[in-house]
Amino acid sequence: MPSIQRMRLQPVRRNLTVRNIEQVTPRMVRIFLFGEELATFNSPSPDDHVKIFFPVGDDQVEGRDYTPRFFDADACVLAVEFFLHEGGVGSSWAQQARPGDPLQIGGPKGSTVISAPGAWWLLIGDETALPSIARRLKETAADTEVIAVLAVTGPAEEQRFETDANLTLRWIHRPDSQASLAAPFLAALSQVDLPSSPGFIWIAAEAGVTKLIRDYAVEKLKHPPEWIKASAYWSHQQEQASPTGP
């Protein structure tokens, strides 16, 4: 039976530098950070977040949350992926980043470890959730049944995931202008056949989209709410109020 364990971690600040940069897709960049302070870094869950402090001039910084896509404490390396979009402070930094650039991170300050041995997974998310979903697929036990419903702007943004799971992958293509609409997800989910055995649903997208998908899972799919984790990774209303975004 699926279970959730919430852990508190020490939110240590670490000073790192950019080691190298990889272009995953035209709008997704993977940046590898290096620093000896990563020797004690720990991230137990695929949907953990670190706070990244981006320089914005006049010795000021702005903090944003990002998923540790990959880390190797022995090699003191941490990889973070950035979805490139207009107006985001993290996106703007990532587009200009170069090897040797300094960057400070904090955390993770907590972790939610989901244990679901023998259960299937339904993973639902937009571009901001792809790093977490990719990491979860990588860490999922062999032969686990996983269905992933993922939204991107087009075929060029689709990714190949490394996993031993039995993965059924459904891509949704919609423009940026529809990123805060739940309708494309709900249409895709109406075509999904879930196993009858117990399973866990994980959702991460825009705040309003996440709520509507969770409601659909509970009301239409009749899925137990305690076997659902739904996270708002960004907010359309906040982006409209602040031009700097996540």
C-alpha atoms as a PDB file:
ATOM      1  CA  MET A   1       0.000   0.000   0.000  1.00  0.00           C
ATOM      2  CA  PRO A   2       1.418   3.471  -0.865  1.00  0.00           C
ATOM      3  CA  SER A   3       2.657   5.583   2.031  1.00  0.00           C
ATOM      4  CA  ILE A   4       4.110   9.068   2.454  1.00  0.00           C
ATOM      5  CA  GLN A   5       6.960   9.942   4.810  1.00  0.00           C
ATOM      6  CA  ARG A   6       7.798  13.606   5.351  1.00  0.00           C
ATOM      7  CA  MET A   7      11.372  14.357   6.403  1.00  0.00           C
ATOM      8  CA  ARG A   8      12.993  17.547   7.680  1.00  0.00           C
ATOM      9  CA  LEU A   9      16.470  18.323   6.357  1.00  0.00           C
ATOM     10  CA  GLN A  10      19.064  20.888   7.314  1.00  0.00           C
ATOM     11  CA  PRO A  11      18.727  23.787   4.794  1.00  0.00           C
ATOM     12  CA  VAL A  12      22.468  24.388   4.247  1.00  0.00           C
ATOM     13  CA  ARG A  13      23.590  27.145   1.871  1.00  0.00           C
ATOM     14  CA  ARG A  14      26.288  26.123  -0.606  1.00  0.00           C
ATOM     15  CA  ASN A  15      28.475  28.191  -2.910  1.00  0.00           C
ATOM     16  CA  LEU A  16      28.912  26.461  -6.267  1.00  0.00           C
ATOM     17  CA  THR A  17      30.164  27.160  -9.778  1.00  0.00           C
ATOM     18  CA  VAL A  18      28.866  26.168 -13.186  1.00  0.00           C
ATOM     19  CA  ARG A  19      30.896  23.225 -14.529  1.00  0.00           C
ATOM     20  CA  ASN A  20      29.227  22.575 -17.893  1.00  0.00           C
ATOM     21  CA  ILE A  21      25.944  23.071 -19.745  1.00  0.00           C
ATOM     22  CA  GLU A  22      23.866  20.680 -21.860  1.00  0.00           C
ATOM     23  CA  GLN A  23      20.975  21.512 -24.194  1.00  0.00           C
ATOM     24  CA  VAL A  24      18.361  18.815 -23.489  1.00  0.00           C
ATOM     25  CA  THR A  25      15.749  20.243 -25.885  1.00  0.00           C
ATOM     26  CA  PRO A  26      15.487  23.671 -27.551  1.00  0.00           C
ATOM     27  CA  ARG A  27      13.838  25.031 -24.393  1.00  0.00           C
ATOM     28  CA  MET A  28      15.299  22.817 -21.649  1.00  0.00           C
ATOM     29  CA  VAL A  29      18.853  23.373 -20.413  1.00  0.00           C
ATOM     30  CA  ARG A  30      20.707  21.139 -17.951  1.00  0.00           C
ATOM     31  CA  ILE A  31      23.370  22.937 -15.925  1.00  0.00           C
ATOM     32  CA  PHE A  32      25.930  20.994 -13.896  1.00  0.00           C
ATOM     33  CA  LEU A  33      27.109  22.741 -10.732  1.00  0.00           C
ATOM     34  CA  PHE A  34      30.300  21.848  -8.876  1.00  0.00           C
ATOM     35  CA  GLY A  35      31.550  22.577  -5.383  1.00  0.00           C
ATOM     36  CA  GLU A  36      33.202  20.728  -2.503  1.00  0.00           C
ATOM     37  CA  GLU A  37      30.304  21.810  -0.272  1.00  0.00           C
ATOM     38  CA  LEU A  38      28.150  19.287  -2.184  1.00  0.00           C
ATOM     39  CA  ALA A  39      29.983  16.467  -0.395  1.00  0.00           C
ATOM     40  CA  THR A  40      27.234  16.549   2.260  1.00  0.00           C
ATOM     41  CA  PHE A  41      24.339  17.209  -0.134  1.00  0.00           C
ATOM     42  CA  ASN A  42      21.323  14.934   0.234  1.00  0.00           C
ATOM     43  CA  SER A  43      18.041  14.727  -1.676  1.00  0.00           C
ATOM     44  CA  PRO A  44      16.005  11.628  -0.742  1.00  0.00           C
ATOM     45  CA  SER A  45      13.014  12.224  -3.045  1.00  0.00           C
ATOM     46  CA  PRO A  46      12.722  12.958  -6.790  1.00  0.00           C
ATOM     47  CA  ASP A  47      10.455  15.935  -6.133  1.00  0.00           C
ATOM     48  CA  ASP A  48      12.713  17.687  -3.631  1.00  0.00           C
ATOM     49  CA  HIS A  49      13.548  21.335  -4.240  1.00  0.00           C
ATOM     50  CA  VAL A  50      16.605  23.465  -3.696  1.00  0.00           C
ATOM     51  CA  LYS A  51      16.390  27.228  -3.467  1.00  0.00           C
ATOM     52  CA  ILE A  52      18.642  28.855  -6.076  1.00  0.00           C
ATOM     53  CA  PHE A  53      19.689  32.451  -5.409  1.00  0.00           C
ATOM     54  CA  PHE A  54      20.070  34.327  -8.688  1.00  0.00           C
ATOM     55  CA  PRO A  55      22.045  37.600  -8.824  1.00  0.00           C
ATOM     56  CA  VAL A  56      19.849  40.473 -10.022  1.00  0.00           C
ATOM     57  CA  GLY A  57      22.246  43.395  -9.627  1.00  0.00           C
ATOM     58  CA  ASP A  58      23.358  45.752  -6.849  1.00  0.00           C
ATOM     59  CA  ASP A  59      24.375  42.765  -4.699  1.00  0.00           C
ATOM     60  CA  GLN A  60      20.744  41.594  -4.623  1.00  0.00           C
ATOM     61  CA  VAL A  61      19.503  38.049  -5.240  1.00  0.00           C
ATOM     62  CA  GLU A  62      16.147  36.454  -5.959  1.00  0.00           C
ATOM     63  CA  GLY A  63      15.417  32.899  -4.832  1.00  0.00           C
ATOM     64  CA  ARG A  64      13.523  30.311  -6.890  1.00  0.00           C
ATOM     65  CA  ASP A  65      12.828  26.607  -6.294  1.00  0.00           C
ATOM     66  CA  TYR A  66      14.272  23.954  -8.617  1.00  0.00           C
ATOM     67  CA  THR A  67      14.423  20.162  -8.628  1.00  0.00           C
ATOM     68  CA  PRO A  68      17.801  18.427  -8.127  1.00  0.00           C
ATOM     69  CA  ARG A  69      17.732  16.522 -11.421  1.00  0.00           C
ATOM     70  CA  PHE A  70      20.895  14.539 -10.600  1.00  0.00           C
ATOM     71  CA  PHE A  71      23.533  14.694  -7.895  1.00  0.00           C
ATOM     72  CA  ASP A  72      26.726  12.848  -7.034  1.00  0.00           C
ATOM     73  CA  ALA A  73      27.927  13.768  -3.551  1.00  0.00           C
ATOM     74  CA  ASP A  74      31.199  11.887  -4.056  1.00  0.00           C
ATOM     75  CA  ALA A  75      31.989  13.872  -7.206  1.00  0.00           C
ATOM     76  CA  CYS A  76      30.500  17.060  -5.698  1.00  0.00           C
ATOM     77  CA  VAL A  77      28.245  17.595  -8.718  1.00  0.00           C
ATOM     78  CA  LEU A  78      24.613  18.692  -8.893  1.00  0.00           C
ATOM     79  CA  ALA A  79      22.572  19.001 -12.101  1.00  0.00           C
ATOM     80  CA  VAL A  80      19.572  21.325 -12.390  1.00  0.00           C
ATOM     81  CA  GLU A  81      17.336  21.759 -15.431  1.00  0.00           C
ATOM     82  CA  PHE A  82      15.846  25.082 -16.528  1.00  0.00           C
ATOM     83  CA  PHE A  83      12.821  25.500 -18.784  1.00  0.00           C
ATOM     84  CA  LEU A  84      13.517  28.573 -20.909  1.00  0.00           C
ATOM     85  CA  HIS A  85      10.643  31.045 -21.043  1.00  0.00           C
ATOM     86  CA  GLU A  86      10.148  34.767 -21.279  1.00  0.00           C
ATOM     87  CA  GLY A  87      10.519  36.853 -18.146  1.00  0.00           C
ATOM     88  CA  GLY A  88      11.732  34.277 -15.611  1.00  0.00           C
ATOM     89  CA  VAL A  89      14.728  35.240 -13.480  1.00  0.00           C
ATOM     90  CA  GLY A  90      15.988  31.635 -13.490  1.00  0.00           C
ATOM     91  CA  SER A  91      15.394  31.247 -17.205  1.00  0.00           C
ATOM     92  CA  SER A  92      17.221  34.516 -17.930  1.00  0.00           C
ATOM     93  CA  TRP A  93      20.194  33.435 -15.830  1.00  0.00           C
ATOM     94  CA  ALA A  94      20.345  29.996 -17.468  1.00  0.00           C
ATOM     95  CA  GLN A  95      20.392  31.473 -20.976  1.00  0.00           C
ATOM     96  CA  GLN A  96      23.448  33.561 -20.079  1.00  0.00           C
ATOM     97  CA  ALA A  97      25.247  31.073 -17.815  1.00  0.00           C
ATOM     98  CA  ARG A  98      28.805  30.067 -18.649  1.00  0.00           C
ATOM     99  CA  PRO A  99      31.273  27.586 -17.072  1.00  0.00           C
ATOM    100  CA  GLY A 100      32.884  29.159 -14.035  1.00  0.00           C
ATOM    101  CA  ASP A 101      29.906  31.341 -13.096  1.00  0.00           C
ATOM    102  CA  PRO A 102      29.189  31.340  -9.339  1.00  0.00           C
ATOM    103  CA  LEU A 103      25.801  30.340  -7.946  1.00  0.00           C
ATOM    104  CA  GLN A 104      24.493  29.844  -4.431  1.00  0.00           C
ATOM    105  CA  ILE A 105      21.878  27.255  -3.459  1.00  0.00           C
ATOM    106  CA  GLY A 106      20.074  26.376  -0.248  1.00  0.00           C
ATOM    107  CA  GLY A 107      18.398  23.185   0.918  1.00  0.00           C
ATOM    108  CA  PRO A 108      16.599  20.958   0.398  1.00  0.00           C
ATOM    109  CA  LYS A 109      14.913  21.881   3.666  1.00  0.00           C
ATOM    110  CA  GLY A 110      12.536  18.943   3.535  1.00  0.00           C
ATOM    111  CA  SER A 111      11.655  15.836   1.573  1.00  0.00           C
ATOM    112  CA  THR A 112       8.499  13.824   0.911  1.00  0.00           C
ATOM    113  CA  VAL A 113       9.389  10.185   0.314  1.00  0.00           C
ATOM    114  CA  ILE A 114       6.608   8.165  -1.323  1.00  0.00           C
ATOM    115  CA  SER A 115       6.852   4.421  -0.873  1.00  0.00           C
ATOM    116  CA  ALA A 116       4.611   2.367  -3.136  1.00  0.00           C
ATOM    117  CA  PRO A 117       6.139  -1.110  -3.575  1.00  0.00           C
ATOM    118  CA  GLY A 118       4.262  -3.156  -6.125  1.00  0.00           C
ATOM    119  CA  ALA A 119       1.936  -0.272  -6.993  1.00  0.00           C
ATOM    120  CA  TRP A 120       1.520   1.469 -10.336  1.00  0.00           C
ATOM    121  CA  TRP A 121       2.157   5.189 -10.856  1.00  0.00           C
ATOM    122  CA  LEU A 122       0.354   7.882 -12.827  1.00  0.00           C
ATOM    123  CA  LEU A 123       2.654  10.865 -13.348  1.00  0.00           C
ATOM    124  CA  ILE A 124       1.091  14.072 -14.671  1.00  0.00           C
ATOM    125  CA  GLY A 125       2.992  17.286 -15.336  1.00  0.00           C
ATOM    126  CA  ASP A 126       4.014  20.155 -17.575  1.00  0.00           C
ATOM    127  CA  GLU A 127       7.497  21.341 -18.552  1.00  0.00           C
ATOM    128  CA  THR A 128       8.332  22.488 -15.022  1.00  0.00           C
ATOM    129  CA  ALA A 129       7.680  18.965 -13.709  1.00  0.00           C
ATOM    130  CA  LEU A 130       9.835  17.122 -16.256  1.00  0.00           C
ATOM    131  CA  PRO A 131      13.069  17.158 -14.187  1.00  0.00           C
ATOM    132  CA  SER A 132      11.278  15.587 -11.226  1.00  0.00           C
ATOM    133  CA  ILE A 133       9.437  13.082 -13.417  1.00  0.00           C
ATOM    134  CA  ALA A 134      12.644  12.127 -15.228  1.00  0.00           C
ATOM    135  CA  ARG A 135      14.392  11.519 -11.921  1.00  0.00           C
ATOM    136  CA  ARG A 136      11.472   9.484 -10.546  1.00  0.00           C
ATOM    137  CA  LEU A 137      11.440   7.308 -13.666  1.00  0.00           C
ATOM    138  CA  LYS A 138      15.172   6.752 -13.315  1.00  0.00           C
ATOM    139  CA  GLU A 139      14.760   5.703  -9.667  1.00  0.00           C
ATOM    140  CA  THR A 140      11.598   3.594 -10.103  1.00  0.00           C
ATOM    141  CA  ALA A 141      12.015  -0.145  -9.569  1.00  0.00           C
ATOM    142  CA  ALA A 142      12.201  -2.400 -12.611  1.00  0.00           C
ATOM    143  CA  ASP A 143       8.926  -3.585 -14.144  1.00  0.00           C
ATOM    144  CA  THR A 144       6.806  -1.100 -12.186  1.00  0.00           C
ATOM    145  CA  GLU A 145       3.783   0.001 -14.206  1.00  0.00           C
ATOM    146  CA  VAL A 146       4.027   3.744 -14.900  1.00  0.00           C
ATOM    147  CA  ILE A 147       1.742   5.934 -16.997  1.00  0.00           C
ATOM    148  CA  ALA A 148       3.014   9.451 -17.702  1.00  0.00           C
ATOM    149  CA  VAL A 149       0.840  12.235 -19.167  1.00  0.00           C
ATOM    150  CA  LEU A 150       3.107  15.160 -19.995  1.00  0.00           C
ATOM    151  CA  ALA A 151       2.466  18.533 -21.633  1.00  0.00           C
ATOM    152  CA  VAL A 152       4.989  20.405 -23.792  1.00  0.00           C
ATOM    153  CA  THR A 153       4.758  22.951 -26.588  1.00  0.00           C
ATOM    154  CA  GLY A 154       5.533  20.518 -29.423  1.00  0.00           C
ATOM    155  CA  PRO A 155       7.429  17.432 -30.608  1.00  0.00           C
ATOM    156  CA  ALA A 156      10.814  19.153 -30.296  1.00  0.00           C
ATOM    157  CA  GLU A 157      10.305  19.419 -26.521  1.00  0.00           C
ATOM    158  CA  GLU A 158       9.614  15.724 -25.992  1.00  0.00           C
ATOM    159  CA  GLN A 159      12.331  13.941 -24.009  1.00  0.00           C
ATOM    160  CA  ARG A 160      13.623  10.388 -23.829  1.00  0.00           C
ATOM    161  CA  PHE A 161      13.643   9.037 -20.275  1.00  0.00           C
ATOM    162  CA  GLU A 162      16.026   6.488 -18.822  1.00  0.00           C
ATOM    163  CA  THR A 163      14.013   3.961 -16.819  1.00  0.00           C
ATOM    164  CA  ASP A 164      13.586   0.263 -16.044  1.00  0.00           C
ATOM    165  CA  ALA A 165       9.875   0.805 -15.419  1.00  0.00           C
ATOM    166  CA  ASN A 166       7.179  -0.470 -17.753  1.00  0.00           C
ATOM    167  CA  LEU A 167       6.404   3.022 -19.078  1.00  0.00           C
ATOM    168  CA  THR A 168       3.380   4.143 -21.070  1.00  0.00           C
ATOM    169  CA  LEU A 169       4.046   7.694 -22.222  1.00  0.00           C
ATOM    170  CA  ARG A 170       1.462  10.170 -23.523  1.00  0.00           C
ATOM    171  CA  TRP A 171       2.608  13.576 -24.750  1.00  0.00           C
ATOM    172  CA  ILE A 172       0.249  16.552 -24.937  1.00  0.00           C
ATOM    173  CA  HIS A 173       1.182  19.347 -27.358  1.00  0.00           C
ATOM    174  CA  ARG A 174      -0.179  22.782 -26.574  1.00  0.00           C
ATOM    175  CA  PRO A 175       1.202  26.348 -26.909  1.00  0.00           C
ATOM    176  CA  ASP A 176       2.522  28.461 -24.057  1.00  0.00           C
ATOM    177  CA  SER A 177      -0.750  30.391 -24.102  1.00  0.00           C
ATOM    178  CA  GLN A 178      -2.566  27.245 -22.898  1.00  0.00           C
ATOM    179  CA  ALA A 179      -0.090  26.300 -20.158  1.00  0.00           C
ATOM    180  CA  SER A 180      -2.549  27.442 -17.464  1.00  0.00           C
ATOM    181  CA  LEU A 181      -5.460  25.422 -18.901  1.00  0.00           C
ATOM    182  CA  ALA A 182      -6.400  22.012 -17.515  1.00  0.00           C
ATOM    183  CA  ALA A 183      -8.503  20.983 -20.513  1.00  0.00           C
ATOM    184  CA  PRO A 184      -5.655  19.338 -22.505  1.00  0.00           C
ATOM    185  CA  PHE A 185      -4.740  17.203 -19.485  1.00  0.00           C
ATOM    186  CA  LEU A 186      -8.324  16.233 -18.715  1.00  0.00           C
ATOM    187  CA  ALA A 187      -8.933  15.227 -22.329  1.00  0.00           C
ATOM    188  CA  ALA A 188      -5.844  13.006 -22.276  1.00  0.00           C
ATOM    189  CA  LEU A 189      -6.739  11.499 -18.905  1.00  0.00           C
ATOM    190  CA  SER A 190     -10.192  10.557 -20.167  1.00  0.00           C
ATOM    191  CA  GLN A 191      -8.421   8.168 -22.553  1.00  0.00           C
ATOM    192  CA  VAL A 192      -6.252   6.534 -19.861  1.00  0.00           C
ATOM    193  CA  ASP A 193      -7.150   3.109 -18.483  1.00  0.00           C
ATOM    194  CA  LEU A 194      -5.780   2.692 -14.966  1.00  0.00           C
ATOM    195  CA  PRO A 195      -5.052  -0.718 -13.423  1.00  0.00           C
ATOM    196  CA  SER A 196      -7.562  -1.984 -10.871  1.00  0.00           C
ATOM    197  CA  SER A 197      -4.854  -2.602  -8.262  1.00  0.00           C
ATOM    198  CA  PRO A 198      -3.724   0.159  -5.837  1.00  0.00           C
ATOM    199  CA  GLY A 199      -1.591   2.888  -7.328  1.00  0.00           C
ATOM    200  CA  PHE A 200      -0.247   6.390  -6.706  1.00  0.00           C
ATOM    201  CA  ILE A 201      -0.998   9.576  -8.668  1.00  0.00           C
ATOM    202  CA  TRP A 202       1.597  12.366  -8.723  1.00  0.00           C
ATOM    203  CA  ILE A 203       0.698  15.748 -10.235  1.00  0.00           C
ATOM    204  CA  ALA A 204       2.758  18.910 -10.760  1.00  0.00           C
ATOM    205  CA  ALA A 205       1.881  21.862 -12.992  1.00  0.00           C
ATOM    206  CA  GLU A 206       0.383  25.355 -12.784  1.00  0.00           C
ATOM    207  CA  ALA A 207      -1.572  25.870  -9.537  1.00  0.00           C
ATOM    208  CA  GLY A 208      -5.062  25.967 -11.026  1.00  0.00           C
ATOM    209  CA  VAL A 209      -4.312  23.119 -13.416  1.00  0.00           C
ATOM    210  CA  THR A 210      -2.997  20.961 -10.591  1.00  0.00           C
ATOM    211  CA  LYS A 211      -6.155  21.503  -8.514  1.00  0.00           C
ATOM    212  CA  LEU A 212      -8.495  20.618 -11.381  1.00  0.00           C
ATOM    213  CA  ILE A 213      -6.526  17.473 -12.219  1.00  0.00           C
ATOM    214  CA  ARG A 214      -6.579  16.384  -8.575  1.00  0.00           C
ATOM    215  CA  ASP A 215     -10.333  17.002  -8.426  1.00  0.00           C
ATOM    216  CA  TYR A 216     -10.765  14.916 -11.580  1.00  0.00           C
ATOM    217  CA  ALA A 217      -8.715  12.077 -10.092  1.00  0.00           C
ATOM    218  CA  VAL A 218     -10.826  12.019  -6.926  1.00  0.00           C
ATOM    219  CA  GLU A 219     -14.277  12.651  -8.429  1.00  0.00           C
ATOM    220  CA  LYS A 220     -14.076  11.007 -11.852  1.00  0.00           C
ATOM    221  CA  LEU A 221     -11.407   8.361 -11.413  1.00  0.00           C
ATOM    222  CA  LYS A 222     -12.563   7.618  -7.840  1.00  0.00           C
ATOM    223  CA  HIS A 223      -8.958   7.486  -6.711  1.00  0.00           C
ATOM    224  CA  PRO A 224      -8.247   7.598  -2.944  1.00  0.00           C
ATOM    225  CA  PRO A 225      -7.098  11.156  -2.114  1.00  0.00           C
ATOM    226  CA  GLU A 226      -4.492   9.839   0.316  1.00  0.00           C
ATOM    227  CA  TRP A 227      -2.789   8.174  -2.668  1.00  0.00           C
ATOM    228  CA  ILE A 228      -2.411  11.448  -4.545  1.00  0.00           C
ATOM    229  CA  LYS A 229       0.313  14.074  -4.280  1.00  0.00           C
ATOM    230  CA  ALA A 230      -0.515  17.294  -6.131  1.00  0.00           C
ATOM    231  CA  SER A 231       1.939  20.196  -6.203  1.00  0.00           C
ATOM    232  CA  ALA A 232       1.616  23.685  -7.679  1.00  0.00           C
ATOM    233  CA  TYR A 233       4.969  24.274  -9.373  1.00  0.00           C
ATOM    234  CA  TRP A 234       3.997  27.749 -10.575  1.00  0.00           C
ATOM    235  CA  SER A 235       1.068  30.158 -10.625  1.00  0.00           C
ATOM    236  CA  HIS A 236      -0.374  31.935 -13.654  1.00  0.00           C
ATOM    237  CA  GLN A 237      -1.736  34.698 -11.407  1.00  0.00           C
ATOM    238  CA  GLN A 238       1.644  35.297  -9.787  1.00  0.00           C
ATOM    239  CA  GLU A 239       3.362  35.433 -13.175  1.00  0.00           C
ATOM    240  CA  GLN A 240       0.876  38.066 -14.305  1.00  0.00           C
ATOM    241  CA  ALA A 241       1.526  40.062 -11.132  1.00  0.00           C
ATOM    242  CA  SER A 242       5.327  39.729 -11.344  1.00  0.00           C
ATOM    243  CA  PRO A 243       7.244  39.928 -14.638  1.00  0.00           C
ATOM    244  CA  THR A 244      10.181  37.967 -13.196  1.00  0.00           C
ATOM    245  CA  GLY A 245       8.319  34.655 -12.730  1.00  0.00           C
ATOM    246  CA  PRO A 246      10.007  31.352 -11.625  1.00  0.00           C
END
